[in-house]
Amino acid sequence: MTPHPDGLGAPLQSFFVQRLQQERGASPHTIASYRDTFCLLFAFAKTRLGKTPDELLITDLGATFIGEFLLDLERARHNSARTRNVRLAALHSFFRYLSFRMPRHSQLIQRVLAMEVKRFPRRRIDFLARAECEALLAAPDTRTWIGQRDWALLTVALQTGLRVSELVGLKRQDVDLSRGGAHVRCLGKGRKERCTPLRKDAVLAVRRYLAMRSHAPEQPLFPSSRGGPMSRDAVQERLRKYVAIAARRCPSLKTKRVSPHVLRHSTAMDMLHRGVDRRVIALWLGHESPTTTQMYLEANMELKERAVARTLPFARAATRYQPAETLLAFLKAL
């Protein structure tokens, strides 16, 4: 059977193989995100249009249909506006590719490309104070191998600010514990390799943990109980357990939602409190631009309190409020 000239099969496969993998060299995370977007889109098209992915045509995916799909993500799947925008970015990338392969559909493509991202309120970032970090690090039972592993993982996470994907991707050969130059190497976002120095407390935690079990250079630094790399969900589950334990000692943790990314924010905030320059923090965390660290300044109440302390009060003195007489107030209310 001859494929339809407007079918999505051939251009979509070419988009993933030729465009993303060969031309752009997209990371596995990007490819997986784009793949998930189209899987969701095809499921929605099956429900809404009654067509299988092989039956879909480019003319089925107009701006109106794409808008309905994005709205369904928010209403039916309860996705956030941020997630919605990630899905739209994947579709925009595909339609830009189609604009060169199918110029006869340029009007439809341009309407899709003209769809704007959705604005959303940006919440103040969450982070842990120094006392909360110390309570969290005291939670693992270091008499066991798993406890030593988790203690070392949390210590490295709080000291280096590595992303959870960078933490679980570490191998034994990525850590150098030599005196005077201890550091950890990781392949971060955008496949940028960077080295982050380790403090003495992190070196001690990792050394004690490694002494309990031998690790080949190519093995994961923080393996699961089965020997493979830990998953992100596993790290989140261990963190949730230790937050519950630490909350007994530090009650303020009971009101906080702590994720691995909150540990990363905590590293940045601790450095900011100690006067580290924003450009150094951006370099430390592997940010693309120092402007990304602006959110830490906005969340830093200590800096704002210092600014308030330098200002002067207004000259007018405060006076006590005097309520109007009852009869006069009654007349004015008529």
Protein backbone atom coordinates (compact mmCIF):
# COMPACT_ATOMS: atom_id res chain seq x y z
CA MET A 1 0.00 0.00 0.00
CA THR A 2 1.40 3.39 -1.05
CA PRO A 3 1.73 5.75 1.93
CA HIS A 4 -0.25 8.97 1.80
CA PRO A 5 1.93 11.95 0.74
CA ASP A 6 0.69 13.91 3.77
CA GLY A 7 1.17 11.05 6.23
CA LEU A 8 3.17 11.65 9.43
CA GLY A 9 5.06 8.36 9.52
CA ALA A 10 7.99 9.13 7.22
CA PRO A 11 8.62 12.75 8.29
CA LEU A 12 8.33 11.88 11.99
CA GLN A 13 10.85 9.05 11.71
CA SER A 14 13.15 11.31 9.71
CA PHE A 15 12.75 14.03 12.35
CA PHE A 16 13.92 11.73 15.16
CA VAL A 17 16.68 9.93 13.27
CA GLN A 18 18.06 12.52 10.86
CA ARG A 19 17.21 15.80 12.55
CA LEU A 20 17.55 15.05 16.27
CA GLN A 21 20.11 12.27 16.36
CA GLN A 22 22.33 12.89 13.33
CA GLU A 23 22.17 16.63 12.71
CA ARG A 24 21.61 18.07 16.18
CA GLY A 25 23.09 15.26 18.27
CA ALA A 26 20.26 15.67 20.77
CA SER A 27 20.71 14.08 24.18
CA PRO A 28 18.80 10.94 25.18
CA HIS A 29 16.77 13.07 27.62
CA THR A 30 15.62 15.38 24.82
CA ILE A 31 14.73 12.49 22.53
CA ALA A 32 12.80 10.76 25.32
CA SER A 33 10.88 13.97 26.08
CA TYR A 34 9.96 14.47 22.41
CA ARG A 35 8.98 10.81 22.12
CA ASP A 36 6.64 11.08 25.09
CA THR A 37 5.04 14.19 23.57
CA PHE A 38 4.12 12.38 20.36
CA CYS A 39 2.91 9.29 22.24
CA LEU A 40 0.51 11.53 24.18
CA LEU A 41 -0.52 13.33 21.00
CA PHE A 42 -1.30 10.05 19.22
CA ALA A 43 -3.34 8.79 22.17
CA PHE A 44 -5.35 12.03 22.11
CA ALA A 45 -5.84 11.78 18.33
CA LYS A 46 -7.08 8.20 18.70
CA THR A 47 -9.73 9.36 21.18
CA ARG A 48 -10.67 12.60 19.43
CA LEU A 49 -10.35 11.64 15.74
CA GLY A 50 -10.58 7.87 15.87
CA LYS A 51 -7.35 7.54 13.86
CA THR A 52 -4.29 5.44 14.53
CA PRO A 53 -0.83 7.06 14.26
CA ASP A 54 -0.33 5.50 10.80
CA GLU A 55 -3.59 7.08 9.61
CA LEU A 56 -2.86 10.62 10.82
CA LEU A 57 -2.14 13.31 8.26
CA ILE A 58 -0.40 16.64 8.64
CA THR A 59 -3.75 18.30 7.89
CA ASP A 60 -5.19 16.68 11.05
CA LEU A 61 -2.71 18.54 13.25
CA GLY A 62 -3.82 22.12 12.82
CA ALA A 63 -3.46 24.83 15.44
CA THR A 64 -6.99 24.19 16.74
CA PHE A 65 -6.30 20.49 17.27
CA ILE A 66 -2.92 21.20 18.91
CA GLY A 67 -4.62 23.72 21.21
CA GLU A 68 -7.22 21.13 22.23
CA PHE A 69 -4.42 18.64 22.91
CA LEU A 70 -2.56 21.08 25.16
CA LEU A 71 -5.78 21.94 26.99
CA ASP A 72 -6.44 18.23 27.54
CA LEU A 73 -2.99 17.85 29.09
CA GLU A 74 -3.90 20.45 31.69
CA ARG A 75 -7.46 19.36 32.38
CA ALA A 76 -7.40 15.57 32.03
CA ARG A 77 -3.81 14.79 32.96
CA HIS A 78 -3.46 17.74 35.37
CA ASN A 79 -0.16 18.79 33.83
CA SER A 80 1.29 22.12 34.89
CA ALA A 81 1.71 25.04 32.51
CA ARG A 82 5.44 24.37 32.54
CA THR A 83 4.90 20.79 31.32
CA ARG A 84 2.43 22.06 28.72
CA ASN A 85 5.08 24.42 27.39
CA VAL A 86 7.62 21.58 27.17
CA ARG A 87 5.17 19.61 24.98
CA LEU A 88 4.53 22.65 22.80
CA ALA A 89 8.28 23.18 22.37
CA ALA A 90 8.63 19.62 21.06
CA LEU A 91 5.79 20.19 18.58
CA HIS A 92 7.30 23.51 17.48
CA SER A 93 10.60 21.77 16.76
CA PHE A 94 8.85 19.15 14.63
CA PHE A 95 6.79 21.71 12.71
CA ARG A 96 9.87 23.82 11.99
CA TYR A 97 11.35 20.68 10.46
CA LEU A 98 8.15 20.12 8.45
CA SER A 99 8.32 23.65 7.07
CA PHE A 100 11.28 22.53 4.92
CA ARG A 101 9.87 19.14 3.98
CA MET A 102 6.25 20.14 3.32
CA PRO A 103 6.21 23.77 2.12
CA ARG A 104 2.79 23.16 0.55
CA HIS A 105 1.37 23.20 4.10
CA SER A 106 3.17 26.39 5.09
CA GLN A 107 0.02 28.19 6.25
CA LEU A 108 -0.97 25.37 8.62
CA ILE A 109 2.61 25.08 9.88
CA GLN A 110 2.96 28.81 10.49
CA ARG A 111 -0.25 28.88 12.53
CA VAL A 112 1.09 26.11 14.78
CA LEU A 113 4.46 27.85 15.12
CA ALA A 114 2.63 31.05 16.08
CA MET A 115 1.13 29.36 19.17
CA GLU A 116 2.66 30.99 22.22
CA VAL A 117 3.81 29.41 25.45
CA LYS A 118 1.52 29.81 28.42
CA ARG A 119 2.52 32.19 31.17
CA PHE A 120 2.36 30.92 34.72
CA PRO A 121 3.07 32.29 38.20
CA ARG A 122 6.58 31.50 39.36
CA ARG A 123 6.64 30.22 42.92
CA ARG A 124 9.37 31.20 45.32
CA ILE A 125 11.98 28.47 45.30
CA ASP A 126 12.17 26.04 48.21
CA PHE A 127 15.45 25.41 50.00
CA LEU A 128 16.70 24.03 53.30
CA ALA A 129 18.30 26.14 56.01
CA ARG A 130 21.60 25.10 57.53
CA ALA A 131 19.99 23.44 60.55
CA GLU A 132 17.61 21.51 58.31
CA CYS A 133 20.50 20.24 56.18
CA GLU A 134 22.34 19.05 59.28
CA ALA A 135 19.23 17.25 60.54
CA LEU A 136 18.82 15.56 57.15
CA LEU A 137 22.44 14.37 57.10
CA ALA A 138 22.04 12.91 60.60
CA ALA A 139 19.04 10.79 59.53
CA PRO A 140 20.68 7.81 57.68
CA ASP A 141 21.73 4.83 59.80
CA THR A 142 25.43 4.67 58.95
CA ARG A 143 25.85 1.27 60.62
CA THR A 144 24.57 -0.31 57.38
CA TRP A 145 25.93 -0.16 53.84
CA ILE A 146 22.74 1.45 52.51
CA GLY A 147 22.88 4.04 55.29
CA GLN A 148 26.51 4.84 54.45
CA ARG A 149 25.61 5.11 50.76
CA ASP A 150 22.71 7.45 51.47
CA TRP A 151 24.78 9.57 53.86
CA ALA A 152 27.50 9.93 51.22
CA LEU A 153 24.93 10.67 48.50
CA LEU A 154 23.18 13.38 50.54
CA THR A 155 26.48 14.93 51.59
CA VAL A 156 27.73 15.09 48.01
CA ALA A 157 24.37 16.42 46.81
CA LEU A 158 24.25 19.22 49.39
CA GLN A 159 27.90 20.19 48.92
CA THR A 160 28.13 20.06 45.13
CA GLY A 161 24.57 20.96 44.07
CA LEU A 162 24.57 18.25 41.39
CA ARG A 163 21.30 17.49 39.64
CA VAL A 164 19.76 14.13 40.50
CA SER A 165 20.50 12.87 36.97
CA GLU A 166 24.15 13.84 37.48
CA LEU A 167 24.29 12.12 40.87
CA VAL A 168 22.89 8.78 39.71
CA GLY A 169 25.10 8.96 36.61
CA LEU A 170 28.34 9.18 38.61
CA LYS A 171 30.80 6.29 38.33
CA ARG A 172 33.58 5.39 40.74
CA GLN A 173 36.16 6.73 38.29
CA ASP A 174 34.45 10.13 38.32
CA VAL A 175 35.51 10.79 41.94
CA ASP A 176 39.04 11.82 42.89
CA LEU A 177 39.64 11.78 46.66
CA SER A 178 43.30 12.79 46.59
CA ARG A 179 44.42 15.31 49.22
CA GLY A 180 44.40 18.91 48.16
CA GLY A 181 42.48 18.28 44.95
CA ALA A 182 39.46 16.14 45.75
CA HIS A 183 36.73 16.64 43.18
CA VAL A 184 33.92 14.98 41.27
CA ARG A 185 33.49 15.04 37.49
CA CYS A 186 30.06 14.87 35.89
CA LEU A 187 28.42 15.21 32.52
CA GLY A 188 25.69 17.75 33.08
CA LYS A 189 22.82 19.38 31.24
CA GLY A 190 23.64 20.16 27.64
CA ARG A 191 26.36 17.49 27.90
CA LYS A 192 28.75 19.93 29.52
CA GLU A 193 31.46 18.25 31.55
CA ARG A 194 32.48 20.02 34.73
CA CYS A 195 34.54 19.35 37.85
CA THR A 196 33.32 20.32 41.30
CA PRO A 197 35.67 20.42 44.32
CA LEU A 198 34.79 18.36 47.39
CA ARG A 199 35.05 19.61 50.97
CA LYS A 200 36.60 17.51 53.72
CA ASP A 201 33.22 16.39 55.04
CA ALA A 202 32.18 15.07 51.61
CA VAL A 203 35.55 13.35 51.14
CA LEU A 204 35.17 11.68 54.55
CA ALA A 205 31.64 10.50 53.79
CA VAL A 206 32.60 9.03 50.41
CA ARG A 207 35.75 7.35 51.78
CA ARG A 208 33.88 5.65 54.62
CA TYR A 209 31.19 4.51 52.22
CA LEU A 210 33.66 3.13 49.64
CA ALA A 211 35.57 1.30 52.37
CA MET A 212 32.53 -0.90 53.03
CA ARG A 213 32.44 -2.41 49.52
CA SER A 214 34.83 -2.53 46.58
CA HIS A 215 33.86 -0.60 43.44
CA ALA A 216 35.26 -1.13 39.94
CA PRO A 217 36.09 2.15 38.15
CA GLU A 218 33.21 1.79 35.67
CA GLN A 219 30.62 0.85 38.31
CA PRO A 220 28.04 3.38 39.58
CA LEU A 221 29.27 5.41 42.55
CA PHE A 222 25.87 5.12 44.21
CA PRO A 223 24.46 1.77 43.06
CA SER A 224 21.14 0.25 43.99
CA SER A 225 20.98 -2.87 46.13
CA ARG A 226 21.13 -4.89 42.89
CA GLY A 227 24.30 -3.20 41.70
CA GLY A 228 22.90 -1.03 38.91
CA PRO A 229 22.57 2.75 39.00
CA MET A 230 19.87 4.19 41.25
CA SER A 231 16.81 5.64 39.55
CA ARG A 232 15.54 9.15 40.20
CA ASP A 233 12.47 7.70 41.88
CA ALA A 234 14.68 5.66 44.20
CA VAL A 235 16.60 8.78 45.24
CA GLN A 236 13.34 10.63 45.84
CA GLU A 237 11.99 7.75 47.95
CA ARG A 238 15.14 7.61 50.09
CA LEU A 239 15.04 11.37 50.52
CA ARG A 240 11.37 11.26 51.56
CA LYS A 241 12.23 8.68 54.22
CA TYR A 242 15.08 10.73 55.69
CA VAL A 243 13.09 13.95 55.67
CA ALA A 244 10.44 12.22 57.80
CA ILE A 245 13.13 11.06 60.24
CA ALA A 246 14.87 14.47 60.31
CA ALA A 247 11.54 16.22 60.95
CA ARG A 248 11.46 14.70 64.46
CA ARG A 249 14.61 16.65 65.25
CA CYS A 250 13.85 19.68 63.08
CA PRO A 251 10.06 20.35 63.02
CA SER A 252 10.32 22.99 60.26
CA LEU A 253 10.89 20.14 57.77
CA LYS A 254 7.31 18.96 58.31
CA THR A 255 5.98 21.88 56.29
CA LYS A 256 8.44 21.56 53.39
CA ARG A 257 8.24 19.49 50.24
CA VAL A 258 11.81 18.31 49.78
CA SER A 259 12.93 16.95 46.42
CA PRO A 260 16.45 16.30 45.09
CA HIS A 261 16.24 19.65 43.29
CA VAL A 262 15.54 21.38 46.60
CA LEU A 263 18.94 20.11 47.77
CA ARG A 264 20.46 21.82 44.73
CA HIS A 265 18.70 25.07 45.63
CA SER A 266 19.95 24.67 49.20
CA THR A 267 23.55 24.54 47.97
CA ALA A 268 23.10 27.75 46.01
CA MET A 269 21.40 29.57 48.88
CA ASP A 270 24.10 28.54 51.34
CA MET A 271 26.78 29.88 48.99
CA LEU A 272 24.85 33.11 48.48
CA HIS A 273 24.49 33.61 52.25
CA ARG A 274 28.27 33.29 52.56
CA GLY A 275 28.92 36.00 50.01
CA VAL A 276 29.86 33.89 46.98
CA ASP A 277 29.49 35.84 43.74
CA ARG A 278 26.50 34.96 41.54
CA ARG A 279 28.76 34.20 38.59
CA VAL A 280 30.68 31.65 40.64
CA ILE A 281 27.42 30.04 41.79
CA ALA A 282 26.25 29.79 38.17
CA LEU A 283 29.58 28.18 37.21
CA TRP A 284 29.38 25.83 40.21
CA LEU A 285 25.88 24.62 39.34
CA GLY A 286 26.51 24.38 35.62
CA HIS A 287 24.00 27.08 34.66
CA GLU A 288 24.02 28.39 31.10
CA SER A 289 23.99 32.02 32.28
CA PRO A 290 24.58 33.88 35.57
CA THR A 291 21.12 35.43 35.16
CA THR A 292 19.66 32.06 36.16
CA THR A 293 20.87 32.69 39.71
CA GLN A 294 18.57 35.71 39.95
CA MET A 295 15.92 33.47 41.50
CA TYR A 296 18.18 32.85 44.50
CA LEU A 297 18.49 36.57 45.13
CA GLU A 298 14.71 36.93 44.98
CA ALA A 299 14.25 34.14 47.53
CA ASN A 300 16.97 35.35 49.90
CA MET A 301 15.17 37.05 52.80
CA GLU A 302 18.43 37.59 54.65
CA LEU A 303 19.74 39.89 51.92
CA LYS A 304 16.43 41.75 51.86
CA GLU A 305 16.52 42.20 55.63
CA ARG A 306 20.03 43.64 55.38
CA ALA A 307 18.75 46.08 52.76
CA VAL A 308 15.86 47.14 55.01
CA ALA A 309 18.26 47.66 57.92
CA ARG A 310 20.18 50.21 55.81
CA THR A 311 17.12 52.32 55.07
CA LEU A 312 15.80 55.13 57.26
CA PRO A 313 12.24 55.40 58.60
CA PHE A 314 10.05 58.28 57.41
CA ALA A 315 9.97 61.39 59.57
CA ARG A 316 6.26 61.36 60.41
CA ALA A 317 5.62 59.88 63.84
CA ALA A 318 2.91 57.31 64.38
CA THR A 319 -0.31 58.57 65.98
CA ARG A 320 -3.06 56.67 67.74
CA TYR A 321 -6.31 56.16 65.83
CA GLN A 322 -9.25 58.08 67.25
CA PRO A 323 -12.66 56.70 66.25
CA ALA A 324 -15.36 59.24 65.28
CA GLU A 325 -18.17 60.00 67.70
CA THR A 326 -21.09 57.60 67.39
CA LEU A 327 -23.68 60.22 66.39
CA LEU A 328 -21.34 61.83 63.83
CA ALA A 329 -20.51 58.44 62.34
CA PHE A 330 -24.24 57.69 62.08
CA LEU A 331 -24.92 60.94 60.19
CA LYS A 332 -22.00 60.39 57.77
CA ALA A 333 -23.26 56.91 56.99
CA LEU A 334 -26.69 58.20 55.83
